[in-house]
Amino acid sequence: MEKRRLGRTGHQATILTMGGCGPGYVSQEEADEAVKLVMEHGINTIDVAPSYGEAEARLRPWIEKYRDRFFITEKTLKRTKKEAWEELNRSLERLGTDHFDVYQFHAVATLAELKQILGKGGAMEAFKEAKETDLIGHIGITGHEDMRVLAKALELFDFETVLAPVNVASLALPSPVNDFRPLLKMAKDRDVGVIAIKAISKRRWAGEKRYNTWYEPLDDAKEIETAIRFALSQDGVTTYSMPCDIRLWPTLLESGEKFRKVDEKERRRIIQYARQQGFKPLFPE
């Protein structure tokens, strides 16, 4: 599988990342089979969080055995120094490792949250101390809702990675909230590694929820391949973190191995197709 440099971290990441959320909501046996599958495909990056069910516990046996095979990006929803420090150490213990390659502020949605993180007594103080003592290698930020908040974060601090939604549904009806292109340009200019999420999002659930994803994902193999190609062809994107339902992973892994970049003509055609098929951005609601 193709690899790309994850910004200033220097890590050569496979273009697909294991989304730790997937193993977090299944049995250990099912999680083990999912991890075996991604390892067979050469995946070398894991994105995980303590809020992903039992993800840390499910992945621990694999991290303990194969720590040198994986670049781990962990997250926290905590916004104060004390809480972030405590959660960092809990996550290290639960995953059975002595360091994380990247530690990220998880799901930063507002400028008020960003201000708290960066302010006196904020979680950034814990992140900096953790980096100075080699508990973490790099500092990242993630967001799901408003690309402008993430862009502001890159202005205010020298983040080394950013995780954000990059999908064709956003460009089916772009707005300042969901248009990821300005953020990607900023990231590229600053050599910030970009982890894409929600690449196969079609819209919010409107009917029966068939997958363990909070949005309705594409599940047709051809549409998945097209959506993956679209996201990974966006200038600046390094890798795509796979979704919370491991049943989708085999098709995604096949698509990743067949990846080829889309050109401008195809990009426009894919956006037009998304509009015709009722793809909708997740934000704004």
C-alpha atoms as a PDB file:
ATOM      1  CA  MET A   1       0.000   0.000   0.000  1.00  0.00           C
ATOM      2  CA  GLU A   2       1.197   3.492  -0.824  1.00  0.00           C
ATOM      3  CA  LYS A   3       2.865   5.457   1.974  1.00  0.00           C
ATOM      4  CA  ARG A   4       3.065   9.212   2.499  1.00  0.00           C
ATOM      5  CA  ARG A   5       5.025  11.399   4.896  1.00  0.00           C
ATOM      6  CA  LEU A   6       2.882  12.578   7.820  1.00  0.00           C
ATOM      7  CA  GLY A   7       4.128  16.146   7.875  1.00  0.00           C
ATOM      8  CA  ARG A   8       6.936  17.062  10.231  1.00  0.00           C
ATOM      9  CA  THR A   9       6.498  13.851  12.216  1.00  0.00           C
ATOM     10  CA  GLY A  10       8.505  12.220   9.434  1.00  0.00           C
ATOM     11  CA  HIS A  11       6.420   9.048   9.694  1.00  0.00           C
ATOM     12  CA  GLN A  12       5.811   7.292   6.385  1.00  0.00           C
ATOM     13  CA  ALA A  13       2.147   6.433   6.906  1.00  0.00           C
ATOM     14  CA  THR A  14       0.170   3.974   4.845  1.00  0.00           C
ATOM     15  CA  ILE A  15      -2.631   5.839   3.064  1.00  0.00           C
ATOM     16  CA  LEU A  16      -5.120   3.957   5.229  1.00  0.00           C
ATOM     17  CA  THR A  17      -4.984   4.103   9.031  1.00  0.00           C
ATOM     18  CA  MET A  18      -6.575   1.679  11.462  1.00  0.00           C
ATOM     19  CA  GLY A  19      -9.417   3.573  13.126  1.00  0.00           C
ATOM     20  CA  GLY A  20      -9.287   2.309  16.696  1.00  0.00           C
ATOM     21  CA  CYS A  21     -12.988   2.974  17.082  1.00  0.00           C
ATOM     22  CA  GLY A  22     -13.749  -0.161  15.035  1.00  0.00           C
ATOM     23  CA  PRO A  23     -12.338  -2.715  17.507  1.00  0.00           C
ATOM     24  CA  GLY A  24     -13.821  -0.777  20.416  1.00  0.00           C
ATOM     25  CA  TYR A  25     -17.362  -2.026  19.932  1.00  0.00           C
ATOM     26  CA  VAL A  26     -16.852  -5.717  19.188  1.00  0.00           C
ATOM     27  CA  SER A  27     -15.580  -8.737  21.108  1.00  0.00           C
ATOM     28  CA  GLN A  28     -11.874  -9.400  21.595  1.00  0.00           C
ATOM     29  CA  GLU A  29     -12.093 -12.250  19.082  1.00  0.00           C
ATOM     30  CA  GLU A  30     -13.656  -9.996  16.439  1.00  0.00           C
ATOM     31  CA  ALA A  31     -11.168  -7.236  17.196  1.00  0.00           C
ATOM     32  CA  ASP A  32      -8.292  -9.698  16.807  1.00  0.00           C
ATOM     33  CA  GLU A  33      -9.497 -10.744  13.359  1.00  0.00           C
ATOM     34  CA  ALA A  34      -9.817  -7.092  12.298  1.00  0.00           C
ATOM     35  CA  VAL A  35      -6.285  -6.280  13.466  1.00  0.00           C
ATOM     36  CA  LYS A  36      -4.896  -9.361  11.706  1.00  0.00           C
ATOM     37  CA  LEU A  37      -6.567  -8.195   8.507  1.00  0.00           C
ATOM     38  CA  VAL A  38      -5.100  -4.691   8.585  1.00  0.00           C
ATOM     39  CA  MET A  39      -1.674  -6.063   9.416  1.00  0.00           C
ATOM     40  CA  GLU A  40      -1.889  -8.399   6.429  1.00  0.00           C
ATOM     41  CA  HIS A  41      -2.466  -5.282   4.309  1.00  0.00           C
ATOM     42  CA  GLY A  42       0.572  -3.568   5.831  1.00  0.00           C
ATOM     43  CA  ILE A  43      -1.236  -0.827   7.754  1.00  0.00           C
ATOM     44  CA  ASN A  44       1.298   0.882  10.027  1.00  0.00           C
ATOM     45  CA  THR A  45      -0.708   3.622  11.773  1.00  0.00           C
ATOM     46  CA  ILE A  46      -3.400   3.477  14.479  1.00  0.00           C
ATOM     47  CA  ASP A  47      -5.693   6.317  15.510  1.00  0.00           C
ATOM     48  CA  VAL A  48      -7.418   5.635  18.829  1.00  0.00           C
ATOM     49  CA  ALA A  49      -9.139   7.351  21.760  1.00  0.00           C
ATOM     50  CA  PRO A  50     -10.349   6.398  25.246  1.00  0.00           C
ATOM     51  CA  SER A  51     -13.869   7.412  24.182  1.00  0.00           C
ATOM     52  CA  TYR A  52     -13.978   4.595  21.601  1.00  0.00           C
ATOM     53  CA  GLY A  53     -15.644   1.978  23.770  1.00  0.00           C
ATOM     54  CA  GLU A  54     -13.150  -0.756  24.712  1.00  0.00           C
ATOM     55  CA  ALA A  55     -10.713   0.146  21.924  1.00  0.00           C
ATOM     56  CA  GLU A  56      -7.662   0.583  24.156  1.00  0.00           C
ATOM     57  CA  ALA A  57      -8.261  -2.747  25.912  1.00  0.00           C
ATOM     58  CA  ARG A  58      -8.943  -4.572  22.622  1.00  0.00           C
ATOM     59  CA  LEU A  59      -5.757  -3.239  21.032  1.00  0.00           C
ATOM     60  CA  ARG A  60      -3.484  -3.729  24.052  1.00  0.00           C
ATOM     61  CA  PRO A  61      -2.431  -7.333  23.237  1.00  0.00           C
ATOM     62  CA  TRP A  62      -1.403  -6.232  19.763  1.00  0.00           C
ATOM     63  CA  ILE A  63       0.426  -3.112  20.908  1.00  0.00           C
ATOM     64  CA  GLU A  64       2.349  -5.066  23.527  1.00  0.00           C
ATOM     65  CA  LYS A  65       3.454  -7.588  20.902  1.00  0.00           C
ATOM     66  CA  TYR A  66       3.921  -5.332  17.864  1.00  0.00           C
ATOM     67  CA  ARG A  67       4.621  -1.847  19.257  1.00  0.00           C
ATOM     68  CA  ASP A  68       7.452  -1.304  16.787  1.00  0.00           C
ATOM     69  CA  ARG A  69       5.097  -1.987  13.856  1.00  0.00           C
ATOM     70  CA  PHE A  70       2.632   0.790  14.660  1.00  0.00           C
ATOM     71  CA  PHE A  71       2.723   4.583  14.807  1.00  0.00           C
ATOM     72  CA  ILE A  72       0.072   5.422  17.414  1.00  0.00           C
ATOM     73  CA  THR A  73      -1.968   8.623  17.407  1.00  0.00           C
ATOM     74  CA  GLU A  74      -3.995   8.860  20.629  1.00  0.00           C
ATOM     75  CA  LYS A  75      -6.553  11.479  21.700  1.00  0.00           C
ATOM     76  CA  THR A  76      -8.143  13.147  24.704  1.00  0.00           C
ATOM     77  CA  LEU A  77     -11.369  15.078  25.187  1.00  0.00           C
ATOM     78  CA  LYS A  78      -9.989  16.652  28.363  1.00  0.00           C
ATOM     79  CA  ARG A  79      -9.394  20.405  28.237  1.00  0.00           C
ATOM     80  CA  THR A  80      -7.547  21.139  31.497  1.00  0.00           C
ATOM     81  CA  LYS A  81      -3.948  20.316  32.374  1.00  0.00           C
ATOM     82  CA  LYS A  82      -4.840  18.073  35.325  1.00  0.00           C
ATOM     83  CA  GLU A  83      -7.490  16.067  33.470  1.00  0.00           C
ATOM     84  CA  ALA A  84      -5.398  15.675  30.312  1.00  0.00           C
ATOM     85  CA  TRP A  85      -2.365  14.514  32.294  1.00  0.00           C
ATOM     86  CA  GLU A  86      -4.430  11.921  34.154  1.00  0.00           C
ATOM     87  CA  GLU A  87      -6.062  10.615  30.987  1.00  0.00           C
ATOM     88  CA  LEU A  88      -2.762  10.443  29.116  1.00  0.00           C
ATOM     89  CA  ASN A  89      -1.330   8.164  31.765  1.00  0.00           C
ATOM     90  CA  ARG A  90      -4.474   6.016  31.867  1.00  0.00           C
ATOM     91  CA  SER A  91      -4.329   5.578  28.107  1.00  0.00           C
ATOM     92  CA  LEU A  92      -0.637   4.631  28.199  1.00  0.00           C
ATOM     93  CA  GLU A  93      -1.429   1.983  30.802  1.00  0.00           C
ATOM     94  CA  ARG A  94      -4.519   0.656  29.018  1.00  0.00           C
ATOM     95  CA  LEU A  95      -2.690   0.312  25.699  1.00  0.00           C
ATOM     96  CA  GLY A  96       0.404  -1.169  27.295  1.00  0.00           C
ATOM     97  CA  THR A  97       2.940   1.289  25.891  1.00  0.00           C
ATOM     98  CA  ASP A  98       5.360   3.831  27.345  1.00  0.00           C
ATOM     99  CA  HIS A  99       4.721   6.535  24.738  1.00  0.00           C
ATOM    100  CA  PHE A 100       2.411   7.764  22.001  1.00  0.00           C
ATOM    101  CA  ASP A 101       3.806   8.975  18.717  1.00  0.00           C
ATOM    102  CA  VAL A 102       1.139  11.687  18.465  1.00  0.00           C
ATOM    103  CA  TYR A 103      -1.212  12.957  21.187  1.00  0.00           C
ATOM    104  CA  GLN A 104      -4.206  14.923  19.953  1.00  0.00           C
ATOM    105  CA  PHE A 105      -6.858  17.260  21.290  1.00  0.00           C
ATOM    106  CA  HIS A 106     -10.002  15.357  20.355  1.00  0.00           C
ATOM    107  CA  ALA A 107     -13.041  16.903  18.634  1.00  0.00           C
ATOM    108  CA  VAL A 108     -12.311  20.586  19.211  1.00  0.00           C
ATOM    109  CA  ALA A 109     -15.521  22.242  18.052  1.00  0.00           C
ATOM    110  CA  THR A 110     -15.437  25.871  19.188  1.00  0.00           C
ATOM    111  CA  LEU A 111     -13.058  28.770  19.627  1.00  0.00           C
ATOM    112  CA  ALA A 112     -13.961  28.767  23.327  1.00  0.00           C
ATOM    113  CA  GLU A 113     -12.656  25.196  23.647  1.00  0.00           C
ATOM    114  CA  LEU A 114      -9.510  26.152  21.786  1.00  0.00           C
ATOM    115  CA  LYS A 115      -8.995  29.129  24.079  1.00  0.00           C
ATOM    116  CA  GLN A 116      -9.364  26.912  27.165  1.00  0.00           C
ATOM    117  CA  ILE A 117      -6.886  24.358  25.798  1.00  0.00           C
ATOM    118  CA  LEU A 118      -4.248  26.988  25.056  1.00  0.00           C
ATOM    119  CA  GLY A 119      -4.886  29.141  28.130  1.00  0.00           C
ATOM    120  CA  LYS A 120      -3.469  29.068  31.653  1.00  0.00           C
ATOM    121  CA  GLY A 121      -4.089  25.670  33.230  1.00  0.00           C
ATOM    122  CA  GLY A 122      -5.218  24.322  29.888  1.00  0.00           C
ATOM    123  CA  ALA A 123      -4.507  20.870  28.488  1.00  0.00           C
ATOM    124  CA  MET A 124      -1.695  22.200  26.290  1.00  0.00           C
ATOM    125  CA  GLU A 125       0.435  22.584  29.397  1.00  0.00           C
ATOM    126  CA  ALA A 126       0.156  18.827  30.000  1.00  0.00           C
ATOM    127  CA  PHE A 127       0.915  18.079  26.352  1.00  0.00           C
ATOM    128  CA  LYS A 128       4.072  20.178  26.431  1.00  0.00           C
ATOM    129  CA  GLU A 129       5.324  18.507  29.610  1.00  0.00           C
ATOM    130  CA  ALA A 130       4.549  15.094  28.137  1.00  0.00           C
ATOM    131  CA  LYS A 131       6.532  15.940  25.018  1.00  0.00           C
ATOM    132  CA  GLU A 132       9.483  17.206  27.055  1.00  0.00           C
ATOM    133  CA  THR A 133       9.563  13.905  28.958  1.00  0.00           C
ATOM    134  CA  ASP A 134       9.122  11.715  25.843  1.00  0.00           C
ATOM    135  CA  LEU A 135       5.689  10.397  26.785  1.00  0.00           C
ATOM    136  CA  ILE A 136       4.498  11.781  23.450  1.00  0.00           C
ATOM    137  CA  GLY A 137       6.395  12.533  20.281  1.00  0.00           C
ATOM    138  CA  HIS A 138       4.199  15.092  18.538  1.00  0.00           C
ATOM    139  CA  ILE A 139       1.144  17.263  19.240  1.00  0.00           C
ATOM    140  CA  GLY A 140      -1.970  17.172  17.066  1.00  0.00           C
ATOM    141  CA  ILE A 141      -5.538  18.419  16.965  1.00  0.00           C
ATOM    142  CA  THR A 142      -8.773  16.947  15.629  1.00  0.00           C
ATOM    143  CA  GLY A 143     -12.181  18.335  14.782  1.00  0.00           C
ATOM    144  CA  HIS A 144     -15.435  17.145  13.247  1.00  0.00           C
ATOM    145  CA  GLU A 145     -17.637  20.199  12.943  1.00  0.00           C
ATOM    146  CA  ASP A 146     -16.053  23.504  11.908  1.00  0.00           C
ATOM    147  CA  MET A 147     -12.992  23.711   9.705  1.00  0.00           C
ATOM    148  CA  ARG A 148     -12.527  27.361  10.685  1.00  0.00           C
ATOM    149  CA  VAL A 149     -11.774  26.347  14.286  1.00  0.00           C
ATOM    150  CA  LEU A 150      -9.037  23.985  13.119  1.00  0.00           C
ATOM    151  CA  ALA A 151      -7.613  26.657  10.824  1.00  0.00           C
ATOM    152  CA  LYS A 152      -7.474  29.069  13.766  1.00  0.00           C
ATOM    153  CA  ALA A 153      -5.721  26.408  15.827  1.00  0.00           C
ATOM    154  CA  LEU A 154      -2.983  26.123  13.212  1.00  0.00           C
ATOM    155  CA  GLU A 155      -2.525  29.888  13.403  1.00  0.00           C
ATOM    156  CA  LEU A 156      -2.229  29.908  17.196  1.00  0.00           C
ATOM    157  CA  PHE A 157       0.017  26.886  17.763  1.00  0.00           C
ATOM    158  CA  ASP A 158       2.560  24.903  15.783  1.00  0.00           C
ATOM    159  CA  PHE A 159       0.562  21.671  15.598  1.00  0.00           C
ATOM    160  CA  GLU A 160       2.273  18.800  13.816  1.00  0.00           C
ATOM    161  CA  THR A 161      -0.862  16.913  12.740  1.00  0.00           C
ATOM    162  CA  VAL A 162      -4.511  17.718  12.124  1.00  0.00           C
ATOM    163  CA  LEU A 163      -7.385  15.250  11.749  1.00  0.00           C
ATOM    164  CA  ALA A 164     -10.535  16.427   9.955  1.00  0.00           C
ATOM    165  CA  PRO A 165     -13.403  15.286   7.703  1.00  0.00           C
ATOM    166  CA  VAL A 166     -12.357  15.150   4.048  1.00  0.00           C
ATOM    167  CA  ASN A 167     -15.127  13.803   1.842  1.00  0.00           C
ATOM    168  CA  VAL A 168     -17.026  14.460  -1.345  1.00  0.00           C
ATOM    169  CA  ALA A 169     -20.258  15.048   0.611  1.00  0.00           C
ATOM    170  CA  SER A 170     -18.785  18.270   2.006  1.00  0.00           C
ATOM    171  CA  LEU A 171     -18.123  19.609  -1.484  1.00  0.00           C
ATOM    172  CA  ALA A 172     -21.594  18.609  -2.672  1.00  0.00           C
ATOM    173  CA  LEU A 173     -22.780  21.633  -0.698  1.00  0.00           C
ATOM    174  CA  PRO A 174     -19.678  23.497   0.535  1.00  0.00           C
ATOM    175  CA  SER A 175     -19.789  26.206   3.187  1.00  0.00           C
ATOM    176  CA  PRO A 176     -17.148  27.882   5.386  1.00  0.00           C
ATOM    177  CA  VAL A 177     -18.017  25.335   8.086  1.00  0.00           C
ATOM    178  CA  ASN A 178     -17.373  22.180   6.078  1.00  0.00           C
ATOM    179  CA  ASP A 179     -15.058  23.231   3.238  1.00  0.00           C
ATOM    180  CA  PHE A 180     -11.805  21.476   4.090  1.00  0.00           C
ATOM    181  CA  ARG A 181      -9.759  22.968   1.234  1.00  0.00           C
ATOM    182  CA  PRO A 182      -8.507  26.117   3.036  1.00  0.00           C
ATOM    183  CA  LEU A 183      -7.472  23.956   6.004  1.00  0.00           C
ATOM    184  CA  LEU A 184      -5.584  21.549   3.753  1.00  0.00           C
ATOM    185  CA  LYS A 185      -3.729  24.444   2.133  1.00  0.00           C
ATOM    186  CA  MET A 186      -2.723  25.813   5.543  1.00  0.00           C
ATOM    187  CA  ALA A 187      -1.571  22.378   6.622  1.00  0.00           C
ATOM    188  CA  LYS A 188       0.496  21.885   3.497  1.00  0.00           C
ATOM    189  CA  ASP A 189       2.089  25.327   3.826  1.00  0.00           C
ATOM    190  CA  ARG A 190       3.045  24.538   7.443  1.00  0.00           C
ATOM    191  CA  ASP A 191       4.056  20.927   6.749  1.00  0.00           C
ATOM    192  CA  VAL A 192       1.325  19.624   9.053  1.00  0.00           C
ATOM    193  CA  GLY A 193       0.384  15.963   8.574  1.00  0.00           C
ATOM    194  CA  VAL A 194      -3.283  15.488   7.665  1.00  0.00           C
ATOM    195  CA  ILE A 195      -5.360  12.502   8.763  1.00  0.00           C
ATOM    196  CA  ALA A 196      -8.691  12.404   6.925  1.00  0.00           C
ATOM    197  CA  ILE A 197     -11.861  11.005   8.475  1.00  0.00           C
ATOM    198  CA  LYS A 198     -15.399  10.342   7.238  1.00  0.00           C
ATOM    199  CA  ALA A 199     -14.229   9.845   3.651  1.00  0.00           C
ATOM    200  CA  ILE A 200     -17.112   7.446   2.971  1.00  0.00           C
ATOM    201  CA  SER A 201     -19.812   9.567   4.632  1.00  0.00           C
ATOM    202  CA  LYS A 202     -22.955   9.982   2.536  1.00  0.00           C
ATOM    203  CA  ARG A 203     -25.127  11.974   4.957  1.00  0.00           C
ATOM    204  CA  ARG A 204     -26.614  11.804   8.442  1.00  0.00           C
ATOM    205  CA  TRP A 205     -28.755   8.777   9.203  1.00  0.00           C
ATOM    206  CA  ALA A 206     -32.318   9.239   7.989  1.00  0.00           C
ATOM    207  CA  GLY A 207     -33.674   5.729   8.569  1.00  0.00           C
ATOM    208  CA  GLU A 208     -32.589   2.480  10.167  1.00  0.00           C
ATOM    209  CA  LYS A 209     -29.032   2.590  11.466  1.00  0.00           C
ATOM    210  CA  ARG A 210     -27.280  -0.371   9.851  1.00  0.00           C
ATOM    211  CA  TYR A 211     -23.673   0.353  10.854  1.00  0.00           C
ATOM    212  CA  ASN A 212     -21.845   1.470  13.972  1.00  0.00           C
ATOM    213  CA  THR A 213     -21.164   4.915  12.511  1.00  0.00           C
ATOM    214  CA  TRP A 214     -22.992   8.060  13.541  1.00  0.00           C
ATOM    215  CA  TYR A 215     -23.330   9.033   9.868  1.00  0.00           C
ATOM    216  CA  GLU A 216     -24.671   6.915   7.000  1.00  0.00           C
ATOM    217  CA  PRO A 217     -21.646   5.402   5.256  1.00  0.00           C
ATOM    218  CA  LEU A 218     -21.341   4.251   1.692  1.00  0.00           C
ATOM    219  CA  ASP A 219     -21.394   0.464   1.490  1.00  0.00           C
ATOM    220  CA  ASP A 220     -21.335  -0.152  -2.248  1.00  0.00           C
ATOM    221  CA  ALA A 221     -17.832  -1.274  -3.227  1.00  0.00           C
ATOM    222  CA  LYS A 222     -17.596   0.943  -6.289  1.00  0.00           C
ATOM    223  CA  GLU A 223     -18.832   4.025  -4.414  1.00  0.00           C
ATOM    224  CA  ILE A 224     -16.429   3.318  -1.560  1.00  0.00           C
ATOM    225  CA  GLU A 225     -13.498   3.064  -3.942  1.00  0.00           C
ATOM    226  CA  THR A 226     -14.494   6.335  -5.626  1.00  0.00           C
ATOM    227  CA  ALA A 227     -14.910   8.127  -2.273  1.00  0.00           C
ATOM    228  CA  ILE A 228     -11.531   6.881  -1.034  1.00  0.00           C
ATOM    229  CA  ARG A 229      -9.831   7.948  -4.241  1.00  0.00           C
ATOM    230  CA  PHE A 230     -11.477  11.375  -3.973  1.00  0.00           C
ATOM    231  CA  ALA A 231     -10.378  11.954  -0.356  1.00  0.00           C
ATOM    232  CA  LEU A 232      -6.838  10.685  -0.825  1.00  0.00           C
ATOM    233  CA  SER A 233      -6.423  12.788  -3.966  1.00  0.00           C
ATOM    234  CA  GLN A 234      -6.986  16.023  -2.053  1.00  0.00           C
ATOM    235  CA  ASP A 235      -3.738  17.958  -1.957  1.00  0.00           C
ATOM    236  CA  GLY A 236      -2.144  17.673   1.477  1.00  0.00           C
ATOM    237  CA  VAL A 237      -3.950  14.556   2.758  1.00  0.00           C
ATOM    238  CA  THR A 238      -1.603  11.896   4.110  1.00  0.00           C
ATOM    239  CA  THR A 239      -3.883   9.080   5.259  1.00  0.00           C
ATOM    240  CA  TYR A 240      -7.519   8.169   5.901  1.00  0.00           C
ATOM    241  CA  SER A 241      -8.559   6.655   9.243  1.00  0.00           C
ATOM    242  CA  MET A 242     -11.074   3.876   8.662  1.00  0.00           C
ATOM    243  CA  PRO A 243     -14.542   4.074  10.257  1.00  0.00           C
ATOM    244  CA  CYS A 244     -16.046   2.611  13.409  1.00  0.00           C
ATOM    245  CA  ASP A 245     -17.551  -0.473  11.781  1.00  0.00           C
ATOM    246  CA  ILE A 246     -15.051  -3.218  10.980  1.00  0.00           C
ATOM    247  CA  ARG A 247     -17.510  -4.810   8.526  1.00  0.00           C
ATOM    248  CA  LEU A 248     -16.585  -2.024   6.097  1.00  0.00           C
ATOM    249  CA  TRP A 249     -12.839  -2.559   6.440  1.00  0.00           C
ATOM    250  CA  PRO A 250     -12.284  -5.349   3.861  1.00  0.00           C
ATOM    251  CA  THR A 251     -13.722  -3.234   1.056  1.00  0.00           C
ATOM    252  CA  LEU A 252     -11.792  -0.186   2.242  1.00  0.00           C
ATOM    253  CA  LEU A 253      -8.524  -2.094   2.344  1.00  0.00           C
ATOM    254  CA  GLU A 254      -9.050  -3.385  -1.174  1.00  0.00           C
ATOM    255  CA  SER A 255      -9.807   0.152  -2.330  1.00  0.00           C
ATOM    256  CA  GLY A 256      -6.687   1.470  -0.652  1.00  0.00           C
ATOM    257  CA  GLU A 257      -4.480  -1.044  -2.387  1.00  0.00           C
ATOM    258  CA  LYS A 258      -5.994  -0.119  -5.770  1.00  0.00           C
ATOM    259  CA  PHE A 259      -5.692   3.616  -5.167  1.00  0.00           C
ATOM    260  CA  ARG A 260      -5.000   5.900  -8.089  1.00  0.00           C
ATOM    261  CA  LYS A 261      -5.287   9.649  -8.002  1.00  0.00           C
ATOM    262  CA  VAL A 262      -8.264  11.396  -9.609  1.00  0.00           C
ATOM    263  CA  ASP A 263      -7.672  14.210 -12.085  1.00  0.00           C
ATOM    264  CA  GLU A 264      -9.624  17.481 -12.228  1.00  0.00           C
ATOM    265  CA  LYS A 265     -12.175  16.229 -14.726  1.00  0.00           C
ATOM    266  CA  GLU A 266     -12.919  13.165 -12.622  1.00  0.00           C
ATOM    267  CA  ARG A 267     -13.045  15.257  -9.449  1.00  0.00           C
ATOM    268  CA  ARG A 268     -15.822  17.393 -10.932  1.00  0.00           C
ATOM    269  CA  ARG A 269     -17.677  14.294 -12.113  1.00  0.00           C
ATOM    270  CA  ILE A 270     -17.533  12.732  -8.640  1.00  0.00           C
ATOM    271  CA  ILE A 271     -18.909  15.897  -7.012  1.00  0.00           C
ATOM    272  CA  GLN A 272     -21.746  16.018  -9.535  1.00  0.00           C
ATOM    273  CA  TYR A 273     -22.543  12.356  -8.872  1.00  0.00           C
ATOM    274  CA  ALA A 274     -22.639  13.016  -5.128  1.00  0.00           C
ATOM    275  CA  ARG A 275     -25.144  15.828  -5.597  1.00  0.00           C
ATOM    276  CA  GLN A 276     -27.336  13.650  -7.795  1.00  0.00           C
ATOM    277  CA  GLN A 277     -27.273  10.812  -5.266  1.00  0.00           C
ATOM    278  CA  GLY A 278     -28.255  13.010  -2.322  1.00  0.00           C
ATOM    279  CA  PHE A 279     -24.911  13.189  -0.517  1.00  0.00           C
ATOM    280  CA  LYS A 280     -25.067  15.889   2.160  1.00  0.00           C
ATOM    281  CA  PRO A 281     -22.457  17.485   4.456  1.00  0.00           C
ATOM    282  CA  LEU A 282     -22.573  16.457   8.102  1.00  0.00           C
ATOM    283  CA  PHE A 283     -22.086  20.074   9.167  1.00  0.00           C
ATOM    284  CA  PRO A 284     -23.731  22.495   9.338  1.00  0.00           C
ATOM    285  CA  GLU A 285     -26.873  20.531  10.197  1.00  0.00           C
END
